[in-house]
Each structure stands twice: as C-alpha cells, then as structure tokens.
Amino acid sequence: MVESLSPDLLFLDIQMPGGSGFDLLSRLEHLPQVIFTTAHDEHAVRAFEVDALDYLLKPIDPARLAAALARVKIAYAGRAPLPEAVLEQIFVRDGERAGSYRSVKYDC
C-alpha cells in the first residue's frame, strides 16, 4: 500500500504486524522521509542510520511532535512548494484500535 501511495512522509512504528518498521523500509523502492513513533528507545540509533528525520517516543509529547514537523518543513525547504492540503488522510493504529482520519492539517 505504501508504494502505491508514494508518500513523501511516513510516520512509522518499530513493531508492526508482520515485521518491523525497518523491514518495511527495506522493501520500499521509493523511500519517503520517516519519523519513527514508538515506545522502544533502544532502536533510535538504527533509525538515524536509515536517515529518519526524528524518533518520537510514545506517548508522544505535542511539543516533540511540533519539533519533528518543523524538521519536515526544513527538510523540504528549497523543494517545490507543498500543496495547500499537505495531509489528506492519516491512518492510526493503537493496538487493536485503528482508524482512518481525513482532512487533517497541521501548520508548522
């Protein structure tokens, strides 16, 4: 699914059904920017070895999320302007609970 959507930014957990976030990255042809969101601090060094923009520990502190999104803005500085509706849909999974949310917009 990730390949078909070709996202510019991926929020990725370490432990996921069917493998790790690192496993998923190794299977992708187009590598998006990645911000890891996880409860496992022991994988931070490896995350930065795969050029992660940031590594957020759960529960995610809103100030840390804002700082991570500021890094995204810096990473995209100099590129073509981002469209007005940057984030059209986000899928969130928390244990057994999951949901898809539309029209999410965050202004860094």
PDB file of N, CA and C in Angstrom:
ATOM      1  N   MET A   1       0.819  -1.187   0.000  1.00  0.00           N
ATOM      2  CA  MET A   1       0.000   0.000   0.000  1.00  0.00           C
ATOM      3  C   MET A   1       0.870   1.260   0.000  1.00  0.00           C
ATOM      4  N   VAL A   2       1.969   1.239   0.733  1.00  0.00           N
ATOM      5  CA  VAL A   2       2.838   2.418   0.802  1.00  0.00           C
ATOM      6  C   VAL A   2       3.365   2.765  -0.585  1.00  0.00           C
ATOM      7  N   GLU A   3       3.814   1.772  -1.331  1.00  0.00           N
ATOM      8  CA  GLU A   3       4.355   2.023  -2.674  1.00  0.00           C
ATOM      9  C   GLU A   3       3.306   2.645  -3.588  1.00  0.00           C
ATOM     10  N   SER A   4       2.061   2.186  -3.492  1.00  0.00           N
ATOM     11  CA  SER A   4       1.031   2.704  -4.393  1.00  0.00           C
ATOM     12  C   SER A   4       0.677   4.153  -4.073  1.00  0.00           C
ATOM     13  N   LEU A   5       0.808   4.558  -2.812  1.00  0.00           N
ATOM     14  CA  LEU A   5       0.503   5.936  -2.417  1.00  0.00           C
ATOM     15  C   LEU A   5       1.689   6.864  -2.604  1.00  0.00           C
ATOM     16  N   SER A   6       2.893   6.312  -2.580  1.00  0.00           N
ATOM     17  CA  SER A   6       4.128   7.076  -2.740  1.00  0.00           C
ATOM     18  C   SER A   6       4.162   8.333  -1.856  1.00  0.00           C
ATOM     19  N   PRO A   7       4.058   8.139  -0.540  1.00  0.00           N
ATOM     20  CA  PRO A   7       4.039   9.307   0.353  1.00  0.00           C
ATOM     21  C   PRO A   7       5.403   9.985   0.434  1.00  0.00           C
ATOM     22  N   ASP A   8       5.383  11.262   0.765  1.00  0.00           N
ATOM     23  CA  ASP A   8       6.620  11.996   0.997  1.00  0.00           C
ATOM     24  C   ASP A   8       7.112  11.809   2.424  1.00  0.00           C
ATOM     25  N   LEU A   9       6.178  11.566   3.334  1.00  0.00           N
ATOM     26  CA  LEU A   9       6.493  11.426   4.758  1.00  0.00           C
ATOM     27  C   LEU A   9       5.726  10.251   5.323  1.00  0.00           C
ATOM     28  N   LEU A  10       6.408   9.458   6.140  1.00  0.00           N
ATOM     29  CA  LEU A  10       5.810   8.280   6.748  1.00  0.00           C
ATOM     30  C   LEU A  10       6.096   8.297   8.243  1.00  0.00           C
ATOM     31  N   PHE A  11       5.037   8.259   9.047  1.00  0.00           N
ATOM     32  CA  PHE A  11       5.188   8.046  10.482  1.00  0.00           C
ATOM     33  C   PHE A  11       5.154   6.540  10.663  1.00  0.00           C
ATOM     34  N   LEU A  12       6.194   5.976  11.269  1.00  0.00           N
ATOM     35  CA  LEU A  12       6.364   4.529  11.272  1.00  0.00           C
ATOM     36  C   LEU A  12       6.722   4.032  12.654  1.00  0.00           C
ATOM     37  N   ASP A  13       6.064   2.959  13.077  1.00  0.00           N
ATOM     38  CA  ASP A  13       6.375   2.319  14.351  1.00  0.00           C
ATOM     39  C   ASP A  13       7.484   1.297  14.125  1.00  0.00           C
ATOM     40  N   ILE A  14       8.129   0.878  15.194  1.00  0.00           N
ATOM     41  CA  ILE A  14       9.150  -0.164  15.097  1.00  0.00           C
ATOM     42  C   ILE A  14       8.481  -1.527  14.995  1.00  0.00           C
ATOM     43  N   GLN A  15       7.626  -1.851  15.963  1.00  0.00           N
ATOM     44  CA  GLN A  15       6.944  -3.146  15.972  1.00  0.00           C
ATOM     45  C   GLN A  15       5.590  -3.013  15.293  1.00  0.00           C
ATOM     46  N   MET A  16       5.431  -3.779  14.206  1.00  0.00           N
ATOM     47  CA  MET A  16       4.192  -3.753  13.443  1.00  0.00           C
ATOM     48  C   MET A  16       3.786  -5.187  13.120  1.00  0.00           C
ATOM     49  N   PRO A  17       2.521  -5.389  12.798  1.00  0.00           N
ATOM     50  CA  PRO A  17       2.103  -6.742  12.394  1.00  0.00           C
ATOM     51  C   PRO A  17       2.887  -7.192  11.162  1.00  0.00           C
ATOM     52  N   GLY A  18       3.453  -8.366  11.215  1.00  0.00           N
ATOM     53  CA  GLY A  18       4.163  -8.911  10.059  1.00  0.00           C
ATOM     54  C   GLY A  18       5.605  -8.474   9.918  1.00  0.00           C
ATOM     55  N   GLY A  19       6.146  -7.740  10.877  1.00  0.00           N
ATOM     56  CA  GLY A  19       7.543  -7.333  10.796  1.00  0.00           C
ATOM     57  C   GLY A  19       7.781  -6.016  11.493  1.00  0.00           C
ATOM     58  N   SER A  20       8.944  -5.447  11.237  1.00  0.00           N
ATOM     59  CA  SER A  20       9.291  -4.184  11.878  1.00  0.00           C
ATOM     60  C   SER A  20       9.202  -3.037  10.872  1.00  0.00           C
ATOM     61  N   GLY A  21       9.247  -1.835  11.379  1.00  0.00           N
ATOM     62  CA  GLY A  21       9.304  -0.669  10.510  1.00  0.00           C
ATOM     63  C   GLY A  21      10.538  -0.700   9.628  1.00  0.00           C
ATOM     64  N   PHE A  22      11.625  -1.236  10.154  1.00  0.00           N
ATOM     65  CA  PHE A  22      12.851  -1.359   9.370  1.00  0.00           C
ATOM     66  C   PHE A  22      12.656  -2.349   8.220  1.00  0.00           C
ATOM     67  N   ASP A  23      11.920  -3.445   8.495  1.00  0.00           N
ATOM     68  CA  ASP A  23      11.616  -4.410   7.434  1.00  0.00           C
ATOM     69  C   ASP A  23      10.835  -3.738   6.312  1.00  0.00           C
ATOM     70  N   LEU A  24       9.840  -2.943   6.691  1.00  0.00           N
ATOM     71  CA  LEU A  24       9.040  -2.243   5.687  1.00  0.00           C
ATOM     72  C   LEU A  24       9.913  -1.323   4.840  1.00  0.00           C
ATOM     73  N   LEU A  25      10.767  -0.548   5.469  1.00  0.00           N
ATOM     74  CA  LEU A  25      11.644   0.363   4.720  1.00  0.00           C
ATOM     75  C   LEU A  25      12.541  -0.390   3.744  1.00  0.00           C
ATOM     76  N   SER A  26      13.021  -1.556   4.145  1.00  0.00           N
ATOM     77  CA  SER A  26      13.925  -2.319   3.277  1.00  0.00           C
ATOM     78  C   SER A  26      13.210  -2.848   2.034  1.00  0.00           C
ATOM     79  N   ARG A  27      11.871  -2.940   2.071  1.00  0.00           N
ATOM     80  CA  ARG A  27      11.110  -3.438   0.925  1.00  0.00           C
ATOM     81  C   ARG A  27      10.641  -2.323  -0.014  1.00  0.00           C
ATOM     82  N   LEU A  28      10.817  -1.076   0.374  1.00  0.00           N
ATOM     83  CA  LEU A  28      10.314   0.025  -0.439  1.00  0.00           C
ATOM     84  C   LEU A  28      11.313   0.446  -1.500  1.00  0.00           C
ATOM     85  N   GLU A  29      10.822   0.690  -2.694  1.00  0.00           N
ATOM     86  CA  GLU A  29      11.660   1.204  -3.767  1.00  0.00           C
ATOM     87  C   GLU A  29      11.825   2.716  -3.617  1.00  0.00           C
ATOM     88  N   HIS A  30      10.734   3.419  -3.370  1.00  0.00           N
ATOM     89  CA  HIS A  30      10.746   4.874  -3.130  1.00  0.00           C
ATOM     90  C   HIS A  30      10.784   5.077  -1.622  1.00  0.00           C
ATOM     91  N   LEU A  31      11.868   5.629  -1.116  1.00  0.00           N
ATOM     92  CA  LEU A  31      11.993   5.827   0.325  1.00  0.00           C
ATOM     93  C   LEU A  31      11.529   7.221   0.720  1.00  0.00           C
ATOM     94  N   PRO A  32      10.415   7.291   1.429  1.00  0.00           N
ATOM     95  CA  PRO A  32       9.949   8.594   1.900  1.00  0.00           C
ATOM     96  C   PRO A  32      10.760   9.040   3.109  1.00  0.00           C
ATOM     97  N   GLN A  33      10.588  10.292   3.493  1.00  0.00           N
ATOM     98  CA  GLN A  33      11.131  10.740   4.777  1.00  0.00           C
ATOM     99  C   GLN A  33      10.380   9.972   5.863  1.00  0.00           C
ATOM    100  N   VAL A  34      11.069   9.656   6.963  1.00  0.00           N
ATOM    101  CA  VAL A  34      10.455   8.844   8.016  1.00  0.00           C
ATOM    102  C   VAL A  34      10.633   9.511   9.370  1.00  0.00           C
ATOM    103  N   ILE A  35       9.556   9.494  10.132  1.00  0.00           N
ATOM    104  CA  ILE A  35       9.604   9.831  11.549  1.00  0.00           C
ATOM    105  C   ILE A  35       9.121   8.589  12.281  1.00  0.00           C
ATOM    106  N   PHE A  36       9.990   7.996  13.076  1.00  0.00           N
ATOM    107  CA  PHE A  36       9.594   6.826  13.846  1.00  0.00           C
ATOM    108  C   PHE A  36       8.802   7.269  15.070  1.00  0.00           C
ATOM    109  N   THR A  37       7.731   6.563  15.352  1.00  0.00           N
ATOM    110  CA  THR A  37       6.899   6.810  16.534  1.00  0.00           C
ATOM    111  C   THR A  37       6.772   5.471  17.251  1.00  0.00           C
ATOM    112  N   THR A  38       7.416   5.340  18.388  1.00  0.00           N
ATOM    113  CA  THR A  38       7.498   4.037  19.026  1.00  0.00           C
ATOM    114  C   THR A  38       7.687   4.158  20.537  1.00  0.00           C
ATOM    115  N   ALA A  39       7.440   3.073  21.230  1.00  0.00           N
ATOM    116  CA  ALA A  39       7.669   3.023  22.669  1.00  0.00           C
ATOM    117  C   ALA A  39       9.041   2.432  22.993  1.00  0.00           C
ATOM    118  N   HIS A  40       9.826   2.147  21.974  1.00  0.00           N
ATOM    119  CA  HIS A  40      11.092   1.430  22.153  1.00  0.00           C
ATOM    120  C   HIS A  40      12.285   2.330  21.861  1.00  0.00           C
ATOM    121  N   ASP A  41      12.913   2.867  22.900  1.00  0.00           N
ATOM    122  CA  ASP A  41      14.031   3.788  22.702  1.00  0.00           C
ATOM    123  C   ASP A  41      15.309   3.102  22.245  1.00  0.00           C
ATOM    124  N   GLU A  42      15.403   1.790  22.372  1.00  0.00           N
ATOM    125  CA  GLU A  42      16.641   1.097  22.021  1.00  0.00           C
ATOM    126  C   GLU A  42      16.910   1.030  20.516  1.00  0.00           C
ATOM    127  N   HIS A  43      15.971   1.449  19.681  1.00  0.00           N
ATOM    128  CA  HIS A  43      16.164   1.407  18.233  1.00  0.00           C
ATOM    129  C   HIS A  43      16.507   2.775  17.625  1.00  0.00           C
ATOM    130  N   ALA A  44      16.713   3.770  18.461  1.00  0.00           N
ATOM    131  CA  ALA A  44      16.923   5.133  17.964  1.00  0.00           C
ATOM    132  C   ALA A  44      18.160   5.246  17.072  1.00  0.00           C
ATOM    133  N   VAL A  45      19.269   4.652  17.470  1.00  0.00           N
ATOM    134  CA  VAL A  45      20.498   4.748  16.669  1.00  0.00           C
ATOM    135  C   VAL A  45      20.270   4.153  15.288  1.00  0.00           C
ATOM    136  N   ARG A  46      19.644   2.990  15.243  1.00  0.00           N
ATOM    137  CA  ARG A  46      19.376   2.358  13.940  1.00  0.00           C
ATOM    138  C   ARG A  46      18.445   3.225  13.099  1.00  0.00           C
ATOM    139  N   ALA A  47      17.476   3.879  13.733  1.00  0.00           N
ATOM    140  CA  ALA A  47      16.551   4.750  12.991  1.00  0.00           C
ATOM    141  C   ALA A  47      17.313   5.871  12.297  1.00  0.00           C
ATOM    142  N   PHE A  48      18.248   6.467  12.988  1.00  0.00           N
ATOM    143  CA  PHE A  48      19.009   7.551  12.368  1.00  0.00           C
ATOM    144  C   PHE A  48      20.005   7.026  11.332  1.00  0.00           C
ATOM    145  N   GLU A  49      20.397   5.767  11.443  1.00  0.00           N
ATOM    146  CA  GLU A  49      21.247   5.157  10.419  1.00  0.00           C
ATOM    147  C   GLU A  49      20.505   4.992   9.096  1.00  0.00           C
ATOM    148  N   VAL A  50      19.170   4.909   9.150  1.00  0.00           N
ATOM    149  CA  VAL A  50      18.371   4.840   7.920  1.00  0.00           C
ATOM    150  C   VAL A  50      17.812   6.217   7.568  1.00  0.00           C
ATOM    151  N   ASP A  51      18.442   7.260   8.110  1.00  0.00           N
ATOM    152  CA  ASP A  51      18.123   8.662   7.798  1.00  0.00           C
ATOM    153  C   ASP A  51      16.741   9.120   8.251  1.00  0.00           C
ATOM    154  N   ALA A  52      16.270   8.614   9.375  1.00  0.00           N
ATOM    155  CA  ALA A  52      15.000   9.094   9.919  1.00  0.00           C
ATOM    156  C   ALA A  52      15.131  10.576  10.257  1.00  0.00           C
ATOM    157  N   LEU A  53      14.061  11.320  10.013  1.00  0.00           N
ATOM    158  CA  LEU A  53      14.057  12.744  10.382  1.00  0.00           C
ATOM    159  C   LEU A  53      13.977  12.920  11.890  1.00  0.00           C
ATOM    160  N   ASP A  54      13.262  12.009  12.552  1.00  0.00           N
ATOM    161  CA  ASP A  54      13.118  12.116  14.002  1.00  0.00           C
ATOM    162  C   ASP A  54      12.684  10.774  14.561  1.00  0.00           C
ATOM    163  N   TYR A  55      12.685  10.686  15.884  1.00  0.00           N
ATOM    164  CA  TYR A  55      12.351   9.464  16.608  1.00  0.00           C
ATOM    165  C   TYR A  55      11.537   9.896  17.821  1.00  0.00           C
ATOM    166  N   LEU A  56      10.229   9.663  17.779  1.00  0.00           N
ATOM    167  CA  LEU A  56       9.335  10.104  18.844  1.00  0.00           C
ATOM    168  C   LEU A  56       8.939   8.921  19.715  1.00  0.00           C
ATOM    169  N   LEU A  57       9.102   9.099  21.018  1.00  0.00           N
ATOM    170  CA  LEU A  57       8.712   8.049  21.952  1.00  0.00           C
ATOM    171  C   LEU A  57       7.260   8.224  22.377  1.00  0.00           C
ATOM    172  N   LYS A  58       6.543   7.103  22.425  1.00  0.00           N
ATOM    173  CA  LYS A  58       5.156   7.106  22.890  1.00  0.00           C
ATOM    174  C   LYS A  58       5.141   7.079  24.409  1.00  0.00           C
ATOM    175  N   PRO A  59       4.216   7.740  25.037  1.00  0.00           N
ATOM    176  CA  PRO A  59       3.217   8.620  24.439  1.00  0.00           C
ATOM    177  C   PRO A  59       3.892   9.873  23.892  1.00  0.00           C
ATOM    178  N   ILE A  60       3.437  10.297  22.732  1.00  0.00           N
ATOM    179  CA  ILE A  60       4.087  11.396  22.018  1.00  0.00           C
ATOM    180  C   ILE A  60       3.720  12.728  22.651  1.00  0.00           C
ATOM    181  N   ASP A  61       4.754  13.457  23.011  1.00  0.00           N
ATOM    182  CA  ASP A  61       4.600  14.789  23.580  1.00  0.00           C
ATOM    183  C   ASP A  61       4.289  15.774  22.447  1.00  0.00           C
ATOM    184  N   PRO A  62       3.240  16.580  22.572  1.00  0.00           N
ATOM    185  CA  PRO A  62       2.895  17.519  21.493  1.00  0.00           C
ATOM    186  C   PRO A  62       4.043  18.454  21.096  1.00  0.00           C
ATOM    187  N   ALA A  63       4.857  18.872  22.044  1.00  0.00           N
ATOM    188  CA  ALA A  63       5.990  19.749  21.719  1.00  0.00           C
ATOM    189  C   ALA A  63       7.020  19.010  20.865  1.00  0.00           C
ATOM    190  N   ARG A  64       7.245  17.724  21.155  1.00  0.00           N
ATOM    191  CA  ARG A  64       8.189  16.926  20.348  1.00  0.00           C
ATOM    192  C   ARG A  64       7.642  16.700  18.949  1.00  0.00           C
ATOM    193  N   LEU A  65       6.308  16.487  18.851  1.00  0.00           N
ATOM    194  CA  LEU A  65       5.694  16.323  17.543  1.00  0.00           C
ATOM    195  C   LEU A  65       5.851  17.606  16.726  1.00  0.00           C
ATOM    196  N   ALA A  66       5.629  18.747  17.355  1.00  0.00           N
ATOM    197  CA  ALA A  66       5.786  20.034  16.667  1.00  0.00           C
ATOM    198  C   ALA A  66       7.230  20.208  16.194  1.00  0.00           C
ATOM    199  N   ALA A  67       8.189  19.820  17.017  1.00  0.00           N
ATOM    200  CA  ALA A  67       9.602  19.922  16.624  1.00  0.00           C
ATOM    201  C   ALA A  67       9.907  18.994  15.452  1.00  0.00           C
ATOM    202  N   ALA A  68       9.340  17.803  15.464  1.00  0.00           N
ATOM    203  CA  ALA A  68       9.548  16.865  14.356  1.00  0.00           C
ATOM    204  C   ALA A  68       8.956  17.416  13.064  1.00  0.00           C
ATOM    205  N   LEU A  69       7.780  18.004  13.149  1.00  0.00           N
ATOM    206  CA  LEU A  69       7.156  18.578  11.956  1.00  0.00           C
ATOM    207  C   LEU A  69       7.928  19.796  11.458  1.00  0.00           C
ATOM    208  N   ALA A  70       8.574  20.514  12.370  1.00  0.00           N
ATOM    209  CA  ALA A  70       9.440  21.623  11.953  1.00  0.00           C
ATOM    210  C   ALA A  70      10.632  21.077  11.166  1.00  0.00           C
ATOM    211  N   ARG A  71      11.146  19.899  11.561  1.00  0.00           N
ATOM    212  CA  ARG A  71      12.242  19.273  10.808  1.00  0.00           C
ATOM    213  C   ARG A  71      11.782  18.892   9.402  1.00  0.00           C
ATOM    214  N   VAL A  72      10.525  18.457   9.292  1.00  0.00           N
ATOM    215  CA  VAL A  72       9.970  18.134   7.978  1.00  0.00           C
ATOM    216  C   VAL A  72       9.982  19.384   7.106  1.00  0.00           C
ATOM    217  N   LYS A  73       9.541  20.485   7.688  1.00  0.00           N
ATOM    218  CA  LYS A  73       9.498  21.745   6.943  1.00  0.00           C
ATOM    219  C   LYS A  73      10.904  22.130   6.472  1.00  0.00           C
ATOM    220  N   ILE A  74      11.899  21.978   7.326  1.00  0.00           N
ATOM    221  CA  ILE A  74      13.289  22.282   6.968  1.00  0.00           C
ATOM    222  C   ILE A  74      13.778  21.332   5.879  1.00  0.00           C
ATOM    223  N   ALA A  75      13.432  20.045   5.997  1.00  0.00           N
ATOM    224  CA  ALA A  75      13.867  19.051   5.006  1.00  0.00           C
ATOM    225  C   ALA A  75      13.308  19.355   3.629  1.00  0.00           C
ATOM    226  N   TYR A  76      12.131  19.969   3.580  1.00  0.00           N
ATOM    227  CA  TYR A  76      11.506  20.278   2.300  1.00  0.00           C
ATOM    228  C   TYR A  76      11.783  21.702   1.831  1.00  0.00           C
ATOM    229  N   ALA A  77      12.543  22.472   2.594  1.00  0.00           N
ATOM    230  CA  ALA A  77      12.912  23.832   2.172  1.00  0.00           C
ATOM    231  C   ALA A  77      13.735  23.740   0.885  1.00  0.00           C
ATOM    232  N   GLY A  78      13.428  24.593  -0.048  1.00  0.00           N
ATOM    233  CA  GLY A  78      14.149  24.586  -1.312  1.00  0.00           C
ATOM    234  C   GLY A  78      13.531  23.687  -2.361  1.00  0.00           C
ATOM    235  N   ARG A  79      12.634  22.802  -1.952  1.00  0.00           N
ATOM    236  CA  ARG A  79      11.922  21.970  -2.919  1.00  0.00           C
ATOM    237  C   ARG A  79      10.726  22.739  -3.444  1.00  0.00           C
ATOM    238  N   ALA A  80      10.045  22.143  -4.380  1.00  0.00           N
ATOM    239  CA  ALA A  80       8.818  22.759  -4.897  1.00  0.00           C
ATOM    240  C   ALA A  80       7.853  22.959  -3.735  1.00  0.00           C
ATOM    241  N   PRO A  81       7.096  24.040  -3.734  1.00  0.00           N
ATOM    242  CA  PRO A  81       6.165  24.298  -2.630  1.00  0.00           C
ATOM    243  C   PRO A  81       5.202  23.138  -2.434  1.00  0.00           C
ATOM    244  N   LEU A  82       4.934  22.848  -1.167  1.00  0.00           N
ATOM    245  CA  LEU A  82       3.977  21.805  -0.846  1.00  0.00           C
ATOM    246  C   LEU A  82       2.573  22.307  -1.147  1.00  0.00           C
ATOM    247  N   PRO A  83       1.693  21.418  -1.597  1.00  0.00           N
ATOM    248  CA  PRO A  83       0.323  21.853  -1.852  1.00  0.00           C
ATOM    249  C   PRO A  83      -0.352  22.299  -0.568  1.00  0.00           C
ATOM    250  N   GLU A  84      -1.407  23.100  -0.705  1.00  0.00           N
ATOM    251  CA  GLU A  84      -2.131  23.611   0.466  1.00  0.00           C
ATOM    252  C   GLU A  84      -2.615  22.484   1.365  1.00  0.00           C
ATOM    253  N   ALA A  85      -3.200  21.460   0.773  1.00  0.00           N
ATOM    254  CA  ALA A  85      -3.700  20.321   1.552  1.00  0.00           C
ATOM    255  C   ALA A  85      -2.593  19.279   1.618  1.00  0.00           C
ATOM    256  N   VAL A  86      -1.650  19.489   2.505  1.00  0.00           N
ATOM    257  CA  VAL A  86      -0.482  18.622   2.585  1.00  0.00           C
ATOM    258  C   VAL A  86      -0.865  17.230   3.054  1.00  0.00           C
ATOM    259  N   LEU A  87      -1.687  17.151   4.065  1.00  0.00           N
ATOM    260  CA  LEU A  87      -2.051  15.869   4.645  1.00  0.00           C
ATOM    261  C   LEU A  87      -3.530  15.634   4.399  1.00  0.00           C
ATOM    262  N   GLU A  88      -3.829  14.732   3.491  1.00  0.00           N
ATOM    263  CA  GLU A  88      -5.211  14.461   3.143  1.00  0.00           C
ATOM    264  C   GLU A  88      -5.808  13.356   3.988  1.00  0.00           C
ATOM    265  N   GLN A  89      -4.984  12.395   4.400  1.00  0.00           N
ATOM    266  CA  GLN A  89      -5.503  11.280   5.159  1.00  0.00           C
ATOM    267  C   GLN A  89      -4.394  10.711   6.022  1.00  0.00           C
ATOM    268  N   ILE A  90      -4.759  10.291   7.216  1.00  0.00           N
ATOM    269  CA  ILE A  90      -3.807   9.648   8.117  1.00  0.00           C
ATOM    270  C   ILE A  90      -4.476   8.414   8.699  1.00  0.00           C
ATOM    271  N   PHE A  91      -3.724   7.319   8.779  1.00  0.00           N
ATOM    272  CA  PHE A  91      -4.220   6.083   9.354  1.00  0.00           C
ATOM    273  C   PHE A  91      -3.492   5.880  10.671  1.00  0.00           C
ATOM    274  N   VAL A  92      -4.254   5.657  11.723  1.00  0.00           N
ATOM    275  CA  VAL A  92      -3.674   5.499  13.052  1.00  0.00           C
ATOM    276  C   VAL A  92      -4.080   4.143  13.603  1.00  0.00           C
ATOM    277  N   ARG A  93      -3.087   3.403  14.094  1.00  0.00           N
ATOM    278  CA  ARG A  93      -3.368   2.123  14.734  1.00  0.00           C
ATOM    279  C   ARG A  93      -2.748   2.170  16.116  1.00  0.00           C
ATOM    280  N   ASP A  94      -3.565   1.858  17.119  1.00  0.00           N
ATOM    281  CA  ASP A  94      -3.116   1.820  18.505  1.00  0.00           C
ATOM    282  C   ASP A  94      -3.555   0.482  19.076  1.00  0.00           C
ATOM    283  N   GLY A  95      -2.645  -0.474  19.051  1.00  0.00           N
ATOM    284  CA  GLY A  95      -3.010  -1.823  19.485  1.00  0.00           C
ATOM    285  C   GLY A  95      -4.054  -2.398  18.553  1.00  0.00           C
ATOM    286  N   GLU A  96      -5.173  -2.806  19.098  1.00  0.00           N
ATOM    287  CA  GLU A  96      -6.254  -3.366  18.305  1.00  0.00           C
ATOM    288  C   GLU A  96      -7.141  -2.291  17.689  1.00  0.00           C
ATOM    289  N   ARG A  97      -7.038  -1.063  18.181  1.00  0.00           N
ATOM    290  CA  ARG A  97      -7.861   0.021  17.654  1.00  0.00           C
ATOM    291  C   ARG A  97      -7.177   0.641  16.445  1.00  0.00           C
ATOM    292  N   ALA A  98      -7.960   0.942  15.445  1.00  0.00           N
ATOM    293  CA  ALA A  98      -7.412   1.576  14.247  1.00  0.00           C
ATOM    294  C   ALA A  98      -8.472   2.473  13.645  1.00  0.00           C
ATOM    295  N   GLY A  99      -8.014   3.492  12.957  1.00  0.00           N
ATOM    296  CA  GLY A  99      -8.957   4.385  12.304  1.00  0.00           C
ATOM    297  C   GLY A  99      -8.273   5.218  11.250  1.00  0.00           C
ATOM    298  N   SER A 100      -9.030   5.633  10.278  1.00  0.00           N
ATOM    299  CA  SER A 100      -8.540   6.486   9.213  1.00  0.00           C
ATOM    300  C   SER A 100      -9.200   7.836   9.363  1.00  0.00           C
ATOM    301  N   TYR A 101      -8.414   8.891   9.310  1.00  0.00           N
ATOM    302  CA  TYR A 101      -8.917  10.237   9.526  1.00  0.00           C
ATOM    303  C   TYR A 101      -8.605  11.084   8.306  1.00  0.00           C
ATOM    304  N   ARG A 102      -9.550  11.862   7.865  1.00  0.00           N
ATOM    305  CA  ARG A 102      -9.390  12.716   6.684  1.00  0.00           C
ATOM    306  C   ARG A 102      -9.277  14.169   7.077  1.00  0.00           C
ATOM    307  N   SER A 103      -8.741  14.956   6.148  1.00  0.00           N
ATOM    308  CA  SER A 103      -8.673  16.419   6.268  1.00  0.00           C
ATOM    309  C   SER A 103      -7.946  16.879   7.516  1.00  0.00           C
ATOM    310  N   VAL A 104      -6.839  16.253   7.806  1.00  0.00           N
ATOM    311  CA  VAL A 104      -6.009  16.680   8.915  1.00  0.00           C
ATOM    312  C   VAL A 104      -5.026  17.701   8.374  1.00  0.00           C
ATOM    313  N   LYS A 105      -4.899  18.835   9.042  1.00  0.00           N
ATOM    314  CA  LYS A 105      -3.962  19.852   8.598  1.00  0.00           C
ATOM    315  C   LYS A 105      -3.194  20.362   9.806  1.00  0.00           C
ATOM    316  N   TYR A 106      -1.889  20.455   9.655  1.00  0.00           N
ATOM    317  CA  TYR A 106      -1.037  20.949  10.729  1.00  0.00           C
ATOM    318  C   TYR A 106      -0.159  22.028  10.158  1.00  0.00           C
ATOM    319  N   ASP A 107      -0.167  23.179  10.768  1.00  0.00           N
ATOM    320  CA  ASP A 107       0.643  24.297  10.299  1.00  0.00           C
ATOM    321  C   ASP A 107       1.863  24.416  11.195  1.00  0.00           C
ATOM    322  N   CYS A 108       3.048  24.161  10.640  1.00  0.00           N
ATOM    323  CA  CYS A 108       4.284  24.269  11.420  1.00  0.00           C
ATOM    324  C   CYS A 108       4.538  25.719  11.675  1.00  0.00           C
TER     325      CYS A 108
END
